[in-house]
Every structure is written in structure tokens, then in C-alpha cells.
Amino acid sequence: KIDGASGLPTGTAEEMIGWYQEVACHIMPDSWKRGKLAKADAVAFVRYDAYDTQHKLPSGVARTPGTDHEEWTLGLSFFLTPNFVVKADYQYLDNDANDNKDNQINLGVGFQF
């Protein structure tokens, strides 16, 4: 919620809304977890996101097409150790402007120390 949105640049919403749901499953067989892969794991996941960045606009402000989004993400995370992950996913992106040309493949690396 943004109080005073009417005084901000055009298109700034008073209210945004969104949610997501994610399901994941450990898929690496225990028989593969030997030697250097003893602490490794593989996790497949699916996530659904829905969010509207212009849910409620100030009076007199026109809605910008493409601000009400739905996304599906399908991916795989490979944990070489519990603290180091390599991740790949595919995102199917859709919005109220129907310009889903931004579907994408994402690659990432994560670590904690």
C-alpha cells in the first residue's frame, strides 16, 4: 500500500497484490550419494506466481497494460553440498497485455558461508 500515490509519477499504484505457491521434490536417489556426492541433492520444483502491480490506482490514473502478471516456473536445483547450489529453470510469463514474449531460461549459482 502506497499512501500519496497520486503525487508520484503516473502509473504508481496505491495498492499492489500478489501471491505464489511452490512445490518441490527431492529426486536424487540415495544410491548416487557416494564419495564426493555424499552430501549432494537434486530438487525439481514448480512455482506459480500471480501479481498485479497496479491493483488499485489513484483516481483519474489510467491502468498501464501488462501490469497484471501470471508466471509458471519449472526448474531443477542441484546441491553439490548443502551450502552450494547450481540452479536452472524455465519461466512462462503472461500478463494482461498478452505479450508473453518474455518467456525465459534462468541459470544461477547460490552459496552460503
N, C-alpha and C. Protein backbone atom coordinates (compact mmCIF):
# COMPACT_ATOMS: atom_id res chain seq x y z
N LYS A 1 0.85 -1.17 0.00
CA LYS A 1 0.00 0.00 0.00
C LYS A 1 0.90 1.24 0.00
N ILE A 2 0.61 2.17 -0.89
CA ILE A 2 1.41 3.38 -1.01
C ILE A 2 0.51 4.59 -0.79
N ASP A 3 0.66 5.23 0.37
CA ASP A 3 -0.10 6.44 0.63
C ASP A 3 0.49 7.58 -0.20
N GLY A 4 -0.37 8.44 -0.74
CA GLY A 4 0.09 9.58 -1.52
C GLY A 4 0.54 9.21 -2.92
N ALA A 5 0.07 8.09 -3.47
CA ALA A 5 0.48 7.65 -4.80
C ALA A 5 0.09 8.65 -5.88
N SER A 6 -0.96 9.41 -5.65
CA SER A 6 -1.40 10.38 -6.65
C SER A 6 -0.35 11.47 -6.88
N GLY A 7 0.53 11.71 -5.93
CA GLY A 7 1.58 12.71 -6.09
C GLY A 7 2.86 12.15 -6.69
N LEU A 8 2.89 10.86 -6.96
CA LEU A 8 4.07 10.20 -7.54
C LEU A 8 3.92 10.11 -9.06
N PRO A 9 4.96 9.69 -9.77
CA PRO A 9 4.88 9.60 -11.24
C PRO A 9 3.68 8.78 -11.70
N THR A 10 3.16 9.12 -12.86
CA THR A 10 1.99 8.45 -13.43
C THR A 10 2.18 6.95 -13.49
N GLY A 11 1.14 6.24 -13.10
CA GLY A 11 1.18 4.79 -13.14
C GLY A 11 1.55 4.15 -11.82
N THR A 12 1.94 4.96 -10.82
CA THR A 12 2.25 4.41 -9.50
C THR A 12 0.95 4.04 -8.80
N ALA A 13 0.85 2.79 -8.40
CA ALA A 13 -0.38 2.29 -7.80
C ALA A 13 -0.46 2.64 -6.32
N GLU A 14 -1.69 2.74 -5.83
CA GLU A 14 -1.92 2.90 -4.39
C GLU A 14 -1.78 1.54 -3.71
N GLU A 15 -2.05 0.48 -4.47
CA GLU A 15 -2.04 -0.86 -3.90
C GLU A 15 -1.59 -1.88 -4.93
N MET A 16 -0.71 -2.79 -4.51
CA MET A 16 -0.29 -3.93 -5.31
C MET A 16 -0.71 -5.19 -4.58
N ILE A 17 -0.87 -6.28 -5.32
CA ILE A 17 -1.27 -7.54 -4.70
C ILE A 17 -0.59 -8.70 -5.43
N GLY A 18 -0.33 -9.77 -4.69
CA GLY A 18 0.27 -10.93 -5.33
C GLY A 18 0.41 -12.10 -4.38
N TRP A 19 0.67 -13.26 -4.95
CA TRP A 19 0.87 -14.47 -4.17
C TRP A 19 1.60 -15.49 -5.03
N TYR A 20 2.12 -16.53 -4.39
CA TYR A 20 2.73 -17.62 -5.13
C TYR A 20 2.60 -18.92 -4.36
N GLN A 21 2.73 -20.01 -5.08
CA GLN A 21 2.71 -21.34 -4.49
C GLN A 21 3.83 -22.13 -5.15
N GLU A 22 4.62 -22.84 -4.36
CA GLU A 22 5.73 -23.62 -4.89
C GLU A 22 5.69 -25.03 -4.33
N VAL A 23 5.97 -26.00 -5.18
CA VAL A 23 6.05 -27.40 -4.79
C VAL A 23 7.40 -27.91 -5.27
N ALA A 24 8.10 -28.65 -4.40
CA ALA A 24 9.41 -29.19 -4.76
C ALA A 24 9.51 -30.64 -4.30
N CYS A 25 10.38 -31.38 -5.00
CA CYS A 25 10.55 -32.80 -4.69
C CYS A 25 12.03 -33.18 -4.82
N HIS A 26 12.57 -33.81 -3.79
CA HIS A 26 13.95 -34.31 -3.85
C HIS A 26 13.96 -35.52 -4.77
N ILE A 27 14.77 -35.49 -5.82
CA ILE A 27 14.72 -36.54 -6.83
C ILE A 27 16.02 -37.34 -6.97
N MET A 28 17.04 -36.99 -6.23
CA MET A 28 18.31 -37.71 -6.37
C MET A 28 18.28 -39.00 -5.54
N PRO A 29 18.46 -40.14 -6.19
CA PRO A 29 18.46 -41.41 -5.46
C PRO A 29 19.61 -41.49 -4.45
N ASP A 30 19.34 -42.08 -3.31
CA ASP A 30 20.38 -42.23 -2.28
C ASP A 30 21.57 -43.03 -2.79
N SER A 31 21.35 -43.94 -3.73
CA SER A 31 22.44 -44.76 -4.26
C SER A 31 23.48 -43.92 -5.02
N TRP A 32 23.12 -42.71 -5.46
CA TRP A 32 24.06 -41.83 -6.15
C TRP A 32 24.87 -40.99 -5.16
N LYS A 33 24.47 -40.95 -3.92
CA LYS A 33 25.11 -40.09 -2.92
C LYS A 33 26.28 -40.81 -2.27
N ARG A 34 27.37 -40.90 -3.02
CA ARG A 34 28.58 -41.58 -2.56
C ARG A 34 29.81 -40.73 -2.90
N GLY A 35 30.85 -40.93 -2.17
CA GLY A 35 32.10 -40.20 -2.43
C GLY A 35 31.91 -38.71 -2.35
N LYS A 36 32.33 -38.00 -3.40
CA LYS A 36 32.23 -36.54 -3.42
C LYS A 36 30.78 -36.05 -3.49
N LEU A 37 29.86 -36.93 -3.86
CA LEU A 37 28.44 -36.57 -3.92
C LEU A 37 27.67 -37.01 -2.67
N ALA A 38 28.37 -37.37 -1.61
CA ALA A 38 27.72 -37.89 -0.40
C ALA A 38 26.70 -36.92 0.19
N LYS A 39 26.96 -35.61 0.07
CA LYS A 39 26.04 -34.61 0.63
C LYS A 39 25.25 -33.89 -0.46
N ALA A 40 25.33 -34.39 -1.69
CA ALA A 40 24.64 -33.76 -2.82
C ALA A 40 23.14 -34.07 -2.80
N ASP A 41 22.39 -33.27 -3.54
CA ASP A 41 20.95 -33.48 -3.67
C ASP A 41 20.47 -32.80 -4.95
N ALA A 42 19.39 -33.29 -5.49
CA ALA A 42 18.75 -32.66 -6.65
C ALA A 42 17.28 -32.46 -6.30
N VAL A 43 16.78 -31.26 -6.61
CA VAL A 43 15.40 -30.91 -6.26
C VAL A 43 14.72 -30.34 -7.50
N ALA A 44 13.63 -30.97 -7.92
CA ALA A 44 12.80 -30.44 -9.01
C ALA A 44 11.70 -29.59 -8.37
N PHE A 45 11.34 -28.49 -9.04
CA PHE A 45 10.31 -27.63 -8.47
C PHE A 45 9.42 -27.01 -9.53
N VAL A 46 8.23 -26.64 -9.11
CA VAL A 46 7.26 -25.91 -9.93
C VAL A 46 6.72 -24.79 -9.06
N ARG A 47 6.67 -23.58 -9.63
CA ARG A 47 6.13 -22.44 -8.87
C ARG A 47 5.13 -21.69 -9.75
N TYR A 48 4.04 -21.24 -9.14
CA TYR A 48 3.05 -20.39 -9.81
C TYR A 48 3.01 -19.06 -9.07
N ASP A 49 3.17 -17.97 -9.80
CA ASP A 49 3.10 -16.62 -9.23
C ASP A 49 1.96 -15.86 -9.91
N ALA A 50 1.25 -15.06 -9.16
CA ALA A 50 0.25 -14.13 -9.70
C ALA A 50 0.41 -12.81 -8.95
N TYR A 51 0.61 -11.74 -9.68
CA TYR A 51 0.73 -10.44 -9.03
C TYR A 51 0.28 -9.31 -9.96
N ASP A 52 -0.26 -8.28 -9.37
CA ASP A 52 -0.77 -7.12 -10.09
C ASP A 52 -0.11 -5.89 -9.48
N THR A 53 0.76 -5.24 -10.23
CA THR A 53 1.48 -4.08 -9.71
C THR A 53 0.67 -2.78 -9.80
N GLN A 54 -0.53 -2.87 -10.37
CA GLN A 54 -1.44 -1.72 -10.39
C GLN A 54 -2.84 -2.17 -9.95
N HIS A 55 -2.89 -2.86 -8.83
CA HIS A 55 -4.17 -3.40 -8.33
C HIS A 55 -5.18 -2.29 -8.08
N LYS A 56 -4.74 -1.23 -7.43
CA LYS A 56 -5.62 -0.08 -7.16
C LYS A 56 -4.86 1.19 -7.51
N LEU A 57 -5.42 1.96 -8.43
CA LEU A 57 -4.77 3.20 -8.87
C LEU A 57 -5.46 4.42 -8.30
N PRO A 58 -4.72 5.53 -8.18
CA PRO A 58 -5.35 6.78 -7.75
C PRO A 58 -6.44 7.19 -8.74
N SER A 59 -7.41 7.92 -8.28
CA SER A 59 -8.50 8.40 -9.13
C SER A 59 -7.94 9.17 -10.33
N GLY A 60 -8.42 8.84 -11.52
CA GLY A 60 -8.01 9.54 -12.73
C GLY A 60 -6.75 9.01 -13.40
N VAL A 61 -6.11 8.02 -12.82
CA VAL A 61 -4.90 7.44 -13.40
C VAL A 61 -5.29 6.20 -14.20
N ALA A 62 -4.87 6.16 -15.47
CA ALA A 62 -5.19 5.03 -16.35
C ALA A 62 -4.25 3.86 -16.09
N ARG A 63 -4.80 2.68 -16.18
CA ARG A 63 -4.03 1.45 -16.00
C ARG A 63 -3.08 1.25 -17.17
N THR A 64 -1.85 0.82 -16.88
CA THR A 64 -0.86 0.51 -17.91
C THR A 64 -1.01 -0.96 -18.28
N PRO A 65 -1.18 -1.29 -19.57
CA PRO A 65 -1.31 -2.70 -19.96
C PRO A 65 -0.05 -3.49 -19.58
N GLY A 66 -0.26 -4.72 -19.17
CA GLY A 66 0.87 -5.59 -18.85
C GLY A 66 1.29 -5.59 -17.41
N THR A 67 0.46 -5.06 -16.51
CA THR A 67 0.85 -4.99 -15.09
C THR A 67 0.21 -6.08 -14.23
N ASP A 68 -0.70 -6.86 -14.81
CA ASP A 68 -1.33 -7.97 -14.10
C ASP A 68 -0.69 -9.25 -14.64
N HIS A 69 0.14 -9.91 -13.82
CA HIS A 69 1.01 -10.99 -14.28
C HIS A 69 0.64 -12.36 -13.73
N GLU A 70 0.92 -13.39 -14.53
CA GLU A 70 0.90 -14.78 -14.10
C GLU A 70 2.18 -15.42 -14.61
N GLU A 71 2.83 -16.22 -13.78
CA GLU A 71 4.08 -16.87 -14.17
C GLU A 71 4.10 -18.32 -13.70
N TRP A 72 4.58 -19.19 -14.55
CA TRP A 72 4.87 -20.58 -14.19
C TRP A 72 6.36 -20.78 -14.31
N THR A 73 6.98 -21.36 -13.31
CA THR A 73 8.42 -21.63 -13.33
C THR A 73 8.63 -23.12 -13.07
N LEU A 74 9.38 -23.76 -13.96
CA LEU A 74 9.73 -25.17 -13.84
C LEU A 74 11.24 -25.25 -13.74
N GLY A 75 11.76 -25.94 -12.74
CA GLY A 75 13.21 -25.91 -12.59
C GLY A 75 13.80 -27.08 -11.85
N LEU A 76 15.13 -27.05 -11.81
CA LEU A 76 15.91 -28.07 -11.13
C LEU A 76 17.05 -27.38 -10.38
N SER A 77 17.20 -27.74 -9.12
CA SER A 77 18.31 -27.25 -8.30
C SER A 77 19.21 -28.44 -7.98
N PHE A 78 20.51 -28.29 -8.22
CA PHE A 78 21.45 -29.35 -7.90
C PHE A 78 22.38 -28.83 -6.80
N PHE A 79 22.25 -29.42 -5.62
CA PHE A 79 23.07 -29.03 -4.47
C PHE A 79 24.32 -29.90 -4.45
N LEU A 80 25.46 -29.32 -4.80
CA LEU A 80 26.72 -30.06 -4.73
C LEU A 80 27.08 -30.35 -3.28
N THR A 81 26.79 -29.40 -2.41
CA THR A 81 26.89 -29.54 -0.95
C THR A 81 25.65 -28.85 -0.39
N PRO A 82 25.35 -28.99 0.88
CA PRO A 82 24.20 -28.28 1.44
C PRO A 82 24.32 -26.76 1.33
N ASN A 83 25.52 -26.24 1.11
CA ASN A 83 25.75 -24.79 1.07
C ASN A 83 26.03 -24.24 -0.33
N PHE A 84 26.00 -25.09 -1.37
CA PHE A 84 26.32 -24.63 -2.72
C PHE A 84 25.35 -25.27 -3.72
N VAL A 85 24.64 -24.44 -4.49
CA VAL A 85 23.63 -24.92 -5.42
C VAL A 85 23.83 -24.32 -6.81
N VAL A 86 23.57 -25.13 -7.81
CA VAL A 86 23.51 -24.69 -9.21
C VAL A 86 22.05 -24.91 -9.62
N LYS A 87 21.46 -23.89 -10.23
CA LYS A 87 20.02 -23.92 -10.48
C LYS A 87 19.73 -23.52 -11.92
N ALA A 88 18.75 -24.18 -12.53
CA ALA A 88 18.27 -23.81 -13.86
C ALA A 88 16.75 -23.90 -13.85
N ASP A 89 16.11 -22.94 -14.52
CA ASP A 89 14.65 -23.01 -14.63
C ASP A 89 14.18 -22.35 -15.91
N TYR A 90 12.95 -22.67 -16.28
CA TYR A 90 12.27 -22.07 -17.42
C TYR A 90 11.04 -21.36 -16.89
N GLN A 91 10.85 -20.11 -17.31
CA GLN A 91 9.68 -19.35 -16.88
C GLN A 91 8.79 -19.04 -18.06
N TYR A 92 7.51 -19.38 -17.89
CA TYR A 92 6.47 -18.99 -18.84
C TYR A 92 5.78 -17.79 -18.24
N LEU A 93 5.89 -16.64 -18.89
CA LEU A 93 5.37 -15.38 -18.37
C LEU A 93 4.17 -14.93 -19.19
N ASP A 94 3.12 -14.49 -18.50
CA ASP A 94 1.93 -13.99 -19.18
C ASP A 94 1.42 -12.77 -18.42
N ASN A 95 0.77 -11.87 -19.13
CA ASN A 95 0.19 -10.70 -18.47
C ASN A 95 -1.06 -10.26 -19.20
N ASP A 96 -1.73 -9.25 -18.66
CA ASP A 96 -2.99 -8.81 -19.22
C ASP A 96 -2.85 -8.11 -20.57
N ALA A 97 -1.65 -7.86 -21.03
CA ALA A 97 -1.44 -7.29 -22.36
C ALA A 97 -1.20 -8.40 -23.39
N ASN A 98 -1.16 -9.67 -22.91
CA ASN A 98 -0.93 -10.83 -23.77
C ASN A 98 0.34 -10.74 -24.59
N ASP A 99 1.38 -10.15 -24.02
CA ASP A 99 2.67 -10.07 -24.72
C ASP A 99 3.68 -10.99 -24.04
N ASN A 100 3.38 -12.30 -24.06
CA ASN A 100 4.21 -13.27 -23.36
C ASN A 100 5.51 -13.57 -24.09
N LYS A 101 6.06 -12.58 -24.76
CA LYS A 101 7.31 -12.75 -25.50
C LYS A 101 8.52 -12.85 -24.57
N ASP A 102 8.33 -12.65 -23.28
CA ASP A 102 9.45 -12.61 -22.34
C ASP A 102 9.70 -13.94 -21.63
N ASN A 103 9.17 -15.06 -22.16
CA ASN A 103 9.49 -16.35 -21.54
C ASN A 103 11.00 -16.46 -21.49
N GLN A 104 11.52 -17.10 -20.44
CA GLN A 104 12.97 -17.06 -20.28
C GLN A 104 13.53 -18.29 -19.61
N ILE A 105 14.80 -18.52 -19.84
CA ILE A 105 15.57 -19.55 -19.17
C ILE A 105 16.50 -18.83 -18.21
N ASN A 106 16.54 -19.29 -16.96
CA ASN A 106 17.38 -18.68 -15.94
C ASN A 106 18.39 -19.70 -15.44
N LEU A 107 19.61 -19.26 -15.25
CA LEU A 107 20.67 -20.08 -14.67
C LEU A 107 21.23 -19.33 -13.48
N GLY A 108 21.53 -20.04 -12.41
CA GLY A 108 22.05 -19.36 -11.23
C GLY A 108 22.92 -20.24 -10.38
N VAL A 109 23.69 -19.60 -9.54
CA VAL A 109 24.55 -20.27 -8.58
C VAL A 109 24.30 -19.60 -7.24
N GLY A 110 24.20 -20.39 -6.17
CA GLY A 110 24.00 -19.82 -4.86
C GLY A 110 24.90 -20.50 -3.84
N PHE A 111 25.30 -19.74 -2.82
CA PHE A 111 26.13 -20.31 -1.77
C PHE A 111 25.90 -19.54 -0.48
N GLN A 112 26.19 -20.20 0.62
CA GLN A 112 26.18 -19.53 1.91
C GLN A 112 27.45 -19.93 2.65
N PHE A 113 27.91 -19.02 3.46
CA PHE A 113 29.16 -19.30 4.21
C PHE A 113 29.02 -18.82 5.63
